[in-house]
Amino acid sequence: FKVHVAHTRYFGDISGNFSGAVFKSGKYSFLGGSVFSMNYGTMNETTEFEPTGTGRTFTVTNYCVTLTYARVLTNNFSFGVNTKFANEGFAGVNINNVLFDLGLKYHVGIKNARFGINFSNFGLNVKPTGEVQVLKFSGDESTTDFTSVTVPAIFRLGAAFDPISTKDHNLSVIGQLNHPTDNNETYALATEYSFMHLLYGRIGYEFATDTRYTFPSAGMGLRLMRNYGGLTIDYAIVSRQVLGNIHRIGLSLILK
């Protein structure tokens, strides 16, 4: 049984929170669930005629509830499926949708080489619901008729291997390709070093992004294992050249 909680501090006072749990439901199968939410804070309303603010404020909500099933089919091959209920709200307008993710993982067996494929956010087009005030020259008008929106999906392909793997030292080299439907394609390279499976150091860089990085992303981790389970603490920093730094911290508890 594993519980994981994480907090991400973005730029502009935006933050994200995640909590999830997974347990072994059979000899080769696992069940899990998670909740993810974004906090954008309170924003000042502006219009074309009042660009400095109308005196009113609004909030943006964004959360996702997930149920997960995963199974090990062979010693080398495993897969997982997510079913997600996602909500996005903006100034009284809400979008609700049911989405699906699929992940596949295969271990080659040489130098612990493995690769994975992920398809995220498969769903139907949906119409927003709610009411919004539209500013026109004749004055404000209310509208409840919205155009259907498409869920932005993403395809990921990742691969990794361990050129160094001993009792006390392990070095992993990782590469990943990201192909979203609503943005440009990016790819990333990273490496992770672990000492005695206790201390972890990580560094990586993502290429072809819209905003450049000040320096490569970096992180560290501490893993404390005992007979009853273990505790893992992770921290990472991503430095954007224009938007600023992103801080991530995660805590995992494993119970046997």
C-alpha atoms as a PDB file:
ATOM      1  CA  PHE A   1       0.000   0.000   0.000  1.00  0.00           C
ATOM      2  CA  LYS A   2       1.458   3.353  -1.049  1.00  0.00           C
ATOM      3  CA  VAL A   3       0.298   6.902  -0.333  1.00  0.00           C
ATOM      4  CA  HIS A   4       1.766   9.895  -2.155  1.00  0.00           C
ATOM      5  CA  VAL A   5       1.176  13.617  -1.636  1.00  0.00           C
ATOM      6  CA  ALA A   6       2.821  16.431  -3.604  1.00  0.00           C
ATOM      7  CA  HIS A   7       2.757  20.215  -3.767  1.00  0.00           C
ATOM      8  CA  THR A   8       3.949  22.335  -6.703  1.00  0.00           C
ATOM      9  CA  ARG A   9       4.540  26.079  -6.394  1.00  0.00           C
ATOM     10  CA  TYR A  10       4.272  27.749  -9.808  1.00  0.00           C
ATOM     11  CA  PHE A  11       4.878  31.341 -10.863  1.00  0.00           C
ATOM     12  CA  GLY A  12       2.243  34.044 -10.328  1.00  0.00           C
ATOM     13  CA  ASP A  13       1.083  32.640  -6.954  1.00  0.00           C
ATOM     14  CA  ILE A  14      -0.309  29.549  -8.697  1.00  0.00           C
ATOM     15  CA  SER A  15       0.001  26.206  -6.910  1.00  0.00           C
ATOM     16  CA  GLY A  16      -1.006  22.601  -7.502  1.00  0.00           C
ATOM     17  CA  ASN A  17      -1.766  19.856  -4.976  1.00  0.00           C
ATOM     18  CA  PHE A  18      -1.883  16.100  -5.531  1.00  0.00           C
ATOM     19  CA  SER A  19      -2.763  13.166  -3.300  1.00  0.00           C
ATOM     20  CA  GLY A  20      -3.059   9.538  -4.341  1.00  0.00           C
ATOM     21  CA  ALA A  21      -2.994   5.984  -3.065  1.00  0.00           C
ATOM     22  CA  VAL A  22      -2.481   2.554  -4.635  1.00  0.00           C
ATOM     23  CA  PHE A  23      -2.714  -0.957  -3.214  1.00  0.00           C
ATOM     24  CA  LYS A  24      -2.147  -4.465  -4.486  1.00  0.00           C
ATOM     25  CA  SER A  25      -5.554  -5.989  -5.245  1.00  0.00           C
ATOM     26  CA  GLY A  26      -4.293  -9.348  -6.525  1.00  0.00           C
ATOM     27  CA  LYS A  27      -1.138 -11.250  -7.277  1.00  0.00           C
ATOM     28  CA  TYR A  28      -0.469  -9.207 -10.410  1.00  0.00           C
ATOM     29  CA  SER A  29      -2.977  -6.331 -10.264  1.00  0.00           C
ATOM     30  CA  PHE A  30      -3.221  -2.954  -8.539  1.00  0.00           C
ATOM     31  CA  LEU A  31      -5.978  -0.426  -7.817  1.00  0.00           C
ATOM     32  CA  GLY A  32      -5.506   3.245  -7.081  1.00  0.00           C
ATOM     33  CA  GLY A  33      -7.118   6.647  -6.876  1.00  0.00           C
ATOM     34  CA  SER A  34      -5.991  10.247  -6.793  1.00  0.00           C
ATOM     35  CA  VAL A  35      -7.171  13.849  -6.531  1.00  0.00           C
ATOM     36  CA  PHE A  36      -5.436  16.795  -8.173  1.00  0.00           C
ATOM     37  CA  SER A  37      -6.380  20.464  -7.844  1.00  0.00           C
ATOM     38  CA  MET A  38      -4.986  23.812  -8.965  1.00  0.00           C
ATOM     39  CA  ASN A  39      -5.205  27.039  -6.974  1.00  0.00           C
ATOM     40  CA  TYR A  40      -4.992  30.241  -9.044  1.00  0.00           C
ATOM     41  CA  GLY A  41      -6.001  32.659  -6.307  1.00  0.00           C
ATOM     42  CA  THR A  42      -8.389  35.582  -6.724  1.00  0.00           C
ATOM     43  CA  MET A  43      -8.029  37.629  -9.927  1.00  0.00           C
ATOM     44  CA  ASN A  44      -9.137  41.162 -10.732  1.00  0.00           C
ATOM     45  CA  GLU A  45     -11.690  41.483 -13.518  1.00  0.00           C
ATOM     46  CA  THR A  46     -10.712  43.711 -16.455  1.00  0.00           C
ATOM     47  CA  THR A  47     -12.557  44.680 -19.648  1.00  0.00           C
ATOM     48  CA  GLU A  48     -11.737  46.438 -22.890  1.00  0.00           C
ATOM     49  CA  PHE A  49     -13.023  49.725 -21.466  1.00  0.00           C
ATOM     50  CA  GLU A  50     -11.661  49.201 -17.945  1.00  0.00           C
ATOM     51  CA  PRO A  51      -8.204  47.631 -18.448  1.00  0.00           C
ATOM     52  CA  THR A  52      -7.090  48.612 -14.945  1.00  0.00           C
ATOM     53  CA  GLY A  53      -9.975  46.749 -13.303  1.00  0.00           C
ATOM     54  CA  THR A  54     -13.705  46.929 -12.737  1.00  0.00           C
ATOM     55  CA  GLY A  55     -13.507  46.518  -8.987  1.00  0.00           C
ATOM     56  CA  ARG A  56     -14.873  42.991  -9.238  1.00  0.00           C
ATOM     57  CA  THR A  57     -12.913  39.766  -8.799  1.00  0.00           C
ATOM     58  CA  PHE A  58     -13.298  36.179  -9.993  1.00  0.00           C
ATOM     59  CA  THR A  59     -11.740  32.779  -9.351  1.00  0.00           C
ATOM     60  CA  VAL A  60     -10.664  29.841 -11.512  1.00  0.00           C
ATOM     61  CA  THR A  61     -11.181  26.255 -10.351  1.00  0.00           C
ATOM     62  CA  ASN A  62      -9.528  23.170 -11.732  1.00  0.00           C
ATOM     63  CA  TYR A  63      -9.604  19.676 -10.266  1.00  0.00           C
ATOM     64  CA  CYS A  64      -9.429  16.059 -11.385  1.00  0.00           C
ATOM     65  CA  VAL A  65     -10.476  12.825  -9.632  1.00  0.00           C
ATOM     66  CA  THR A  66      -8.886   9.614 -10.936  1.00  0.00           C
ATOM     67  CA  LEU A  67      -9.456   5.877 -10.585  1.00  0.00           C
ATOM     68  CA  THR A  68      -6.626   3.610 -11.737  1.00  0.00           C
ATOM     69  CA  TYR A  69      -6.220  -0.060 -12.624  1.00  0.00           C
ATOM     70  CA  ALA A  70      -2.833  -1.591 -13.462  1.00  0.00           C
ATOM     71  CA  ARG A  71      -1.687  -5.121 -14.148  1.00  0.00           C
ATOM     72  CA  VAL A  72       1.572  -6.982 -14.656  1.00  0.00           C
ATOM     73  CA  LEU A  73       1.070  -9.342 -17.594  1.00  0.00           C
ATOM     74  CA  THR A  74       4.578 -10.837 -17.809  1.00  0.00           C
ATOM     75  CA  ASN A  75       7.976 -10.301 -16.183  1.00  0.00           C
ATOM     76  CA  ASN A  76       8.633  -7.659 -18.842  1.00  0.00           C
ATOM     77  CA  PHE A  77       5.271  -6.121 -19.744  1.00  0.00           C
ATOM     78  CA  SER A  78       2.722  -4.163 -17.692  1.00  0.00           C
ATOM     79  CA  PHE A  79      -0.029  -1.656 -18.376  1.00  0.00           C
ATOM     80  CA  GLY A  80      -2.314   0.783 -16.567  1.00  0.00           C
ATOM     81  CA  VAL A  81      -5.597   2.595 -17.268  1.00  0.00           C
ATOM     82  CA  ASN A  82      -6.913   5.820 -15.716  1.00  0.00           C
ATOM     83  CA  THR A  83     -10.527   6.967 -15.646  1.00  0.00           C
ATOM     84  CA  LYS A  84     -10.732  10.657 -14.763  1.00  0.00           C
ATOM     85  CA  PHE A  85     -13.470  13.128 -13.958  1.00  0.00           C
ATOM     86  CA  ALA A  86     -12.155  16.608 -14.738  1.00  0.00           C
ATOM     87  CA  ASN A  87     -13.660  19.989 -13.925  1.00  0.00           C
ATOM     88  CA  GLU A  88     -12.608  23.459 -15.018  1.00  0.00           C
ATOM     89  CA  GLY A  89     -14.429  26.576 -13.887  1.00  0.00           C
ATOM     90  CA  PHE A  90     -13.894  30.173 -14.934  1.00  0.00           C
ATOM     91  CA  ALA A  91     -15.966  33.110 -13.654  1.00  0.00           C
ATOM     92  CA  GLY A  92     -19.199  31.140 -13.380  1.00  0.00           C
ATOM     93  CA  VAL A  93     -18.670  28.924 -16.453  1.00  0.00           C
ATOM     94  CA  ASN A  94     -17.917  25.214 -15.879  1.00  0.00           C
ATOM     95  CA  ILE A  95     -16.667  22.384 -18.066  1.00  0.00           C
ATOM     96  CA  ASN A  96     -17.036  18.765 -16.900  1.00  0.00           C
ATOM     97  CA  ASN A  97     -15.726  15.740 -18.753  1.00  0.00           C
ATOM     98  CA  VAL A  98     -14.779  12.084 -18.311  1.00  0.00           C
ATOM     99  CA  LEU A  99     -11.313  11.299 -19.666  1.00  0.00           C
ATOM    100  CA  PHE A 100      -9.153   8.203 -20.088  1.00  0.00           C
ATOM    101  CA  ASP A 101      -5.411   7.524 -19.973  1.00  0.00           C
ATOM    102  CA  LEU A 102      -3.512   4.433 -21.110  1.00  0.00           C
ATOM    103  CA  GLY A 103       0.062   3.550 -20.197  1.00  0.00           C
ATOM    104  CA  LEU A 104       2.266   0.655 -21.339  1.00  0.00           C
ATOM    105  CA  LYS A 105       5.689  -0.321 -19.994  1.00  0.00           C
ATOM    106  CA  TYR A 106       8.155  -2.904 -21.310  1.00  0.00           C
ATOM    107  CA  HIS A 107      11.459  -4.074 -19.781  1.00  0.00           C
ATOM    108  CA  VAL A 108      13.984  -5.104 -22.405  1.00  0.00           C
ATOM    109  CA  GLY A 109      16.249  -6.827 -19.878  1.00  0.00           C
ATOM    110  CA  ILE A 110      19.640  -5.486 -20.987  1.00  0.00           C
ATOM    111  CA  LYS A 111      21.195  -2.883 -18.642  1.00  0.00           C
ATOM    112  CA  ASN A 112      17.719  -2.588 -17.124  1.00  0.00           C
ATOM    113  CA  ALA A 113      16.582  -0.964 -20.372  1.00  0.00           C
ATOM    114  CA  ARG A 114      12.884  -0.140 -20.470  1.00  0.00           C
ATOM    115  CA  PHE A 115      10.505   2.034 -22.426  1.00  0.00           C
ATOM    116  CA  GLY A 116       6.999   3.306 -21.894  1.00  0.00           C
ATOM    117  CA  ILE A 117       4.140   4.724 -23.944  1.00  0.00           C
ATOM    118  CA  ASN A 118       1.406   6.972 -22.574  1.00  0.00           C
ATOM    119  CA  PHE A 119      -1.787   8.318 -24.147  1.00  0.00           C
ATOM    120  CA  SER A 120      -3.496  10.936 -21.950  1.00  0.00           C
ATOM    121  CA  ASN A 121      -6.811  12.779 -21.943  1.00  0.00           C
ATOM    122  CA  PHE A 122      -8.947  10.815 -24.369  1.00  0.00           C
ATOM    123  CA  GLY A 123     -12.465  12.244 -24.129  1.00  0.00           C
ATOM    124  CA  LEU A 124     -15.477  13.594 -26.007  1.00  0.00           C
ATOM    125  CA  ASN A 125     -16.056  17.193 -26.986  1.00  0.00           C
ATOM    126  CA  VAL A 126     -18.152  18.987 -24.366  1.00  0.00           C
ATOM    127  CA  LYS A 127     -20.030  22.271 -24.063  1.00  0.00           C
ATOM    128  CA  PRO A 128     -19.406  24.595 -21.129  1.00  0.00           C
ATOM    129  CA  THR A 129     -22.335  25.333 -18.852  1.00  0.00           C
ATOM    130  CA  GLY A 130     -23.200  28.476 -16.927  1.00  0.00           C
ATOM    131  CA  GLU A 131     -23.801  32.127 -17.688  1.00  0.00           C
ATOM    132  CA  VAL A 132     -21.388  34.883 -18.608  1.00  0.00           C
ATOM    133  CA  GLN A 133     -21.696  38.609 -19.208  1.00  0.00           C
ATOM    134  CA  VAL A 134     -20.470  39.664 -22.662  1.00  0.00           C
ATOM    135  CA  LEU A 135     -19.455  43.298 -23.068  1.00  0.00           C
ATOM    136  CA  LYS A 136     -20.861  44.976 -26.191  1.00  0.00           C
ATOM    137  CA  PHE A 137     -21.204  48.600 -27.297  1.00  0.00           C
ATOM    138  CA  SER A 138     -24.908  48.469 -26.381  1.00  0.00           C
ATOM    139  CA  GLY A 139     -24.048  47.257 -22.888  1.00  0.00           C
ATOM    140  CA  ASP A 140     -23.636  43.964 -21.059  1.00  0.00           C
ATOM    141  CA  GLU A 141     -25.497  40.933 -22.391  1.00  0.00           C
ATOM    142  CA  SER A 142     -25.887  37.529 -20.770  1.00  0.00           C
ATOM    143  CA  THR A 143     -25.183  34.386 -22.765  1.00  0.00           C
ATOM    144  CA  THR A 144     -25.490  30.684 -21.993  1.00  0.00           C
ATOM    145  CA  ASP A 145     -24.698  29.385 -25.490  1.00  0.00           C
ATOM    146  CA  PHE A 146     -21.122  28.152 -25.814  1.00  0.00           C
ATOM    147  CA  THR A 147     -19.149  26.302 -28.479  1.00  0.00           C
ATOM    148  CA  SER A 148     -18.034  22.740 -27.800  1.00  0.00           C
ATOM    149  CA  VAL A 149     -14.384  22.450 -26.832  1.00  0.00           C
ATOM    150  CA  THR A 150     -11.904  19.673 -27.562  1.00  0.00           C
ATOM    151  CA  VAL A 151      -9.917  18.105 -24.771  1.00  0.00           C
ATOM    152  CA  PRO A 152      -6.175  18.600 -25.405  1.00  0.00           C
ATOM    153  CA  ALA A 153      -4.659  15.115 -25.565  1.00  0.00           C
ATOM    154  CA  ILE A 154      -0.988  14.219 -25.301  1.00  0.00           C
ATOM    155  CA  PHE A 155       1.174  11.306 -26.428  1.00  0.00           C
ATOM    156  CA  ARG A 156       4.388  10.496 -24.562  1.00  0.00           C
ATOM    157  CA  LEU A 157       7.171   8.090 -25.433  1.00  0.00           C
ATOM    158  CA  GLY A 158       9.938   7.481 -22.916  1.00  0.00           C
ATOM    159  CA  ALA A 159      12.978   5.213 -22.643  1.00  0.00           C
ATOM    160  CA  ALA A 160      15.669   4.616 -20.023  1.00  0.00           C
ATOM    161  CA  PHE A 161      18.599   2.351 -19.177  1.00  0.00           C
ATOM    162  CA  ASP A 162      21.175   1.981 -16.386  1.00  0.00           C
ATOM    163  CA  PRO A 163      24.788   2.115 -17.683  1.00  0.00           C
ATOM    164  CA  ILE A 164      26.025   1.753 -14.074  1.00  0.00           C
ATOM    165  CA  SER A 165      24.277  -0.590 -11.668  1.00  0.00           C
ATOM    166  CA  THR A 166      26.070  -1.930  -8.612  1.00  0.00           C
ATOM    167  CA  LYS A 167      25.160  -2.572  -4.991  1.00  0.00           C
ATOM    168  CA  ASP A 168      25.993   0.991  -3.919  1.00  0.00           C
ATOM    169  CA  HIS A 169      25.775   3.022  -7.129  1.00  0.00           C
ATOM    170  CA  ASN A 170      23.148   3.293  -9.857  1.00  0.00           C
ATOM    171  CA  LEU A 171      23.028   5.677 -12.808  1.00  0.00           C
ATOM    172  CA  SER A 172      19.967   5.964 -15.050  1.00  0.00           C
ATOM    173  CA  VAL A 173      19.777   7.832 -18.367  1.00  0.00           C
ATOM    174  CA  ILE A 174      16.290   8.846 -19.510  1.00  0.00           C
ATOM    175  CA  GLY A 175      14.795  10.361 -22.650  1.00  0.00           C
ATOM    176  CA  GLN A 176      11.203  11.374 -23.381  1.00  0.00           C
ATOM    177  CA  LEU A 177       9.210  12.714 -26.349  1.00  0.00           C
ATOM    178  CA  ASN A 178       6.036  14.746 -25.677  1.00  0.00           C
ATOM    179  CA  HIS A 179       3.488  15.288 -28.455  1.00  0.00           C
ATOM    180  CA  PRO A 180       0.449  17.373 -27.368  1.00  0.00           C
ATOM    181  CA  THR A 181      -2.427  18.099 -29.736  1.00  0.00           C
ATOM    182  CA  ASP A 182      -2.590  21.797 -28.833  1.00  0.00           C
ATOM    183  CA  ASN A 183       1.082  22.789 -28.636  1.00  0.00           C
ATOM    184  CA  ASN A 184       4.494  22.216 -30.152  1.00  0.00           C
ATOM    185  CA  GLU A 185       6.333  18.923 -29.721  1.00  0.00           C
ATOM    186  CA  THR A 186       9.028  18.826 -27.047  1.00  0.00           C
ATOM    187  CA  TYR A 187      11.630  16.316 -25.898  1.00  0.00           C
ATOM    188  CA  ALA A 188      13.639  15.950 -22.720  1.00  0.00           C
ATOM    189  CA  LEU A 189      16.830  14.285 -21.515  1.00  0.00           C
ATOM    190  CA  ALA A 190      17.637  13.506 -17.885  1.00  0.00           C
ATOM    191  CA  THR A 191      19.817  11.429 -15.610  1.00  0.00           C
ATOM    192  CA  GLU A 192      19.445  10.128 -12.065  1.00  0.00           C
ATOM    193  CA  TYR A 193      22.185   8.929  -9.716  1.00  0.00           C
ATOM    194  CA  SER A 194      21.460   6.986  -6.535  1.00  0.00           C
ATOM    195  CA  PHE A 195      23.829   6.049  -3.711  1.00  0.00           C
ATOM    196  CA  MET A 196      22.967   2.865  -1.818  1.00  0.00           C
ATOM    197  CA  HIS A 197      19.330   3.336  -2.902  1.00  0.00           C
ATOM    198  CA  LEU A 198      19.218   5.977  -0.177  1.00  0.00           C
ATOM    199  CA  LEU A 199      20.229   9.325  -1.690  1.00  0.00           C
ATOM    200  CA  TYR A 200      19.151  10.443  -5.163  1.00  0.00           C
ATOM    201  CA  GLY A 201      20.330  13.269  -7.390  1.00  0.00           C
ATOM    202  CA  ARG A 202      18.571  14.222 -10.624  1.00  0.00           C
ATOM    203  CA  ILE A 203      19.148  16.662 -13.485  1.00  0.00           C
ATOM    204  CA  GLY A 204      17.328  17.169 -16.770  1.00  0.00           C
ATOM    205  CA  TYR A 205      16.513  19.568 -19.597  1.00  0.00           C
ATOM    206  CA  GLU A 206      13.489  19.965 -21.872  1.00  0.00           C
ATOM    207  CA  PHE A 207      14.054  21.166 -25.440  1.00  0.00           C
ATOM    208  CA  ALA A 208      11.869  23.017 -27.990  1.00  0.00           C
ATOM    209  CA  THR A 209       9.697  24.712 -25.346  1.00  0.00           C
ATOM    210  CA  ASP A 210       8.078  28.129 -25.783  1.00  0.00           C
ATOM    211  CA  THR A 211      10.026  29.620 -22.867  1.00  0.00           C
ATOM    212  CA  ARG A 212      13.687  28.945 -22.200  1.00  0.00           C
ATOM    213  CA  TYR A 213      15.177  27.588 -18.996  1.00  0.00           C
ATOM    214  CA  THR A 214      17.640  29.591 -16.912  1.00  0.00           C
ATOM    215  CA  PHE A 215      19.468  26.355 -16.037  1.00  0.00           C
ATOM    216  CA  PRO A 216      18.653  22.632 -16.218  1.00  0.00           C
ATOM    217  CA  SER A 217      16.001  21.267 -13.897  1.00  0.00           C
ATOM    218  CA  ALA A 218      17.447  19.627 -10.792  1.00  0.00           C
ATOM    219  CA  GLY A 219      16.176  17.544  -7.917  1.00  0.00           C
ATOM    220  CA  MET A 220      17.114  15.357  -4.992  1.00  0.00           C
ATOM    221  CA  GLY A 221      15.509  12.556  -3.040  1.00  0.00           C
ATOM    222  CA  LEU A 222      15.832  10.624   0.214  1.00  0.00           C
ATOM    223  CA  ARG A 223      14.507   7.059   0.534  1.00  0.00           C
ATOM    224  CA  LEU A 224      14.282   5.408   3.950  1.00  0.00           C
ATOM    225  CA  MET A 225      13.318   1.736   3.786  1.00  0.00           C
ATOM    226  CA  ARG A 226      12.385  -0.455   6.763  1.00  0.00           C
ATOM    227  CA  ASN A 227      10.884  -3.926   7.213  1.00  0.00           C
ATOM    228  CA  TYR A 228       7.360  -2.490   7.447  1.00  0.00           C
ATOM    229  CA  GLY A 229       7.759  -0.284   4.339  1.00  0.00           C
ATOM    230  CA  GLY A 230       9.471   2.985   3.659  1.00  0.00           C
ATOM    231  CA  LEU A 231       9.373   6.764   3.340  1.00  0.00           C
ATOM    232  CA  THR A 232      10.486   8.810   0.317  1.00  0.00           C
ATOM    233  CA  ILE A 233      10.972  12.587   0.188  1.00  0.00           C
ATOM    234  CA  ASP A 234      11.620  14.354  -3.132  1.00  0.00           C
ATOM    235  CA  TYR A 235      12.299  17.957  -4.146  1.00  0.00           C
ATOM    236  CA  ALA A 236      12.794  19.494  -7.586  1.00  0.00           C
ATOM    237  CA  ILE A 237      13.245  22.968  -9.062  1.00  0.00           C
ATOM    238  CA  VAL A 238      12.469  24.064 -12.630  1.00  0.00           C
ATOM    239  CA  SER A 239      13.808  27.506 -13.582  1.00  0.00           C
ATOM    240  CA  ARG A 240      12.029  29.384 -16.377  1.00  0.00           C
ATOM    241  CA  GLN A 241      13.895  32.345 -17.881  1.00  0.00           C
ATOM    242  CA  VAL A 242      10.874  34.671 -18.021  1.00  0.00           C
ATOM    243  CA  LEU A 243       8.239  33.157 -15.735  1.00  0.00           C
ATOM    244  CA  GLY A 244      10.503  32.270 -12.811  1.00  0.00           C
ATOM    245  CA  ASN A 245      11.088  29.163 -10.709  1.00  0.00           C
ATOM    246  CA  ILE A 246       8.772  26.201 -10.152  1.00  0.00           C
ATOM    247  CA  HIS A 247       9.240  24.244  -6.914  1.00  0.00           C
ATOM    248  CA  ARG A 248       7.974  20.675  -6.410  1.00  0.00           C
ATOM    249  CA  ILE A 249       8.008  18.653  -3.208  1.00  0.00           C
ATOM    250  CA  GLY A 250       6.625  15.153  -2.759  1.00  0.00           C
ATOM    251  CA  LEU A 251       6.200  12.684   0.097  1.00  0.00           C
ATOM    252  CA  SER A 252       5.516   8.951  -0.320  1.00  0.00           C
ATOM    253  CA  LEU A 253       4.721   6.375   2.361  1.00  0.00           C
ATOM    254  CA  ILE A 254       4.885   2.647   1.603  1.00  0.00           C
ATOM    255  CA  LEU A 255       3.293   0.064   3.939  1.00  0.00           C
ATOM    256  CA  LYS A 256       3.890  -3.640   3.476  1.00  0.00           C
END
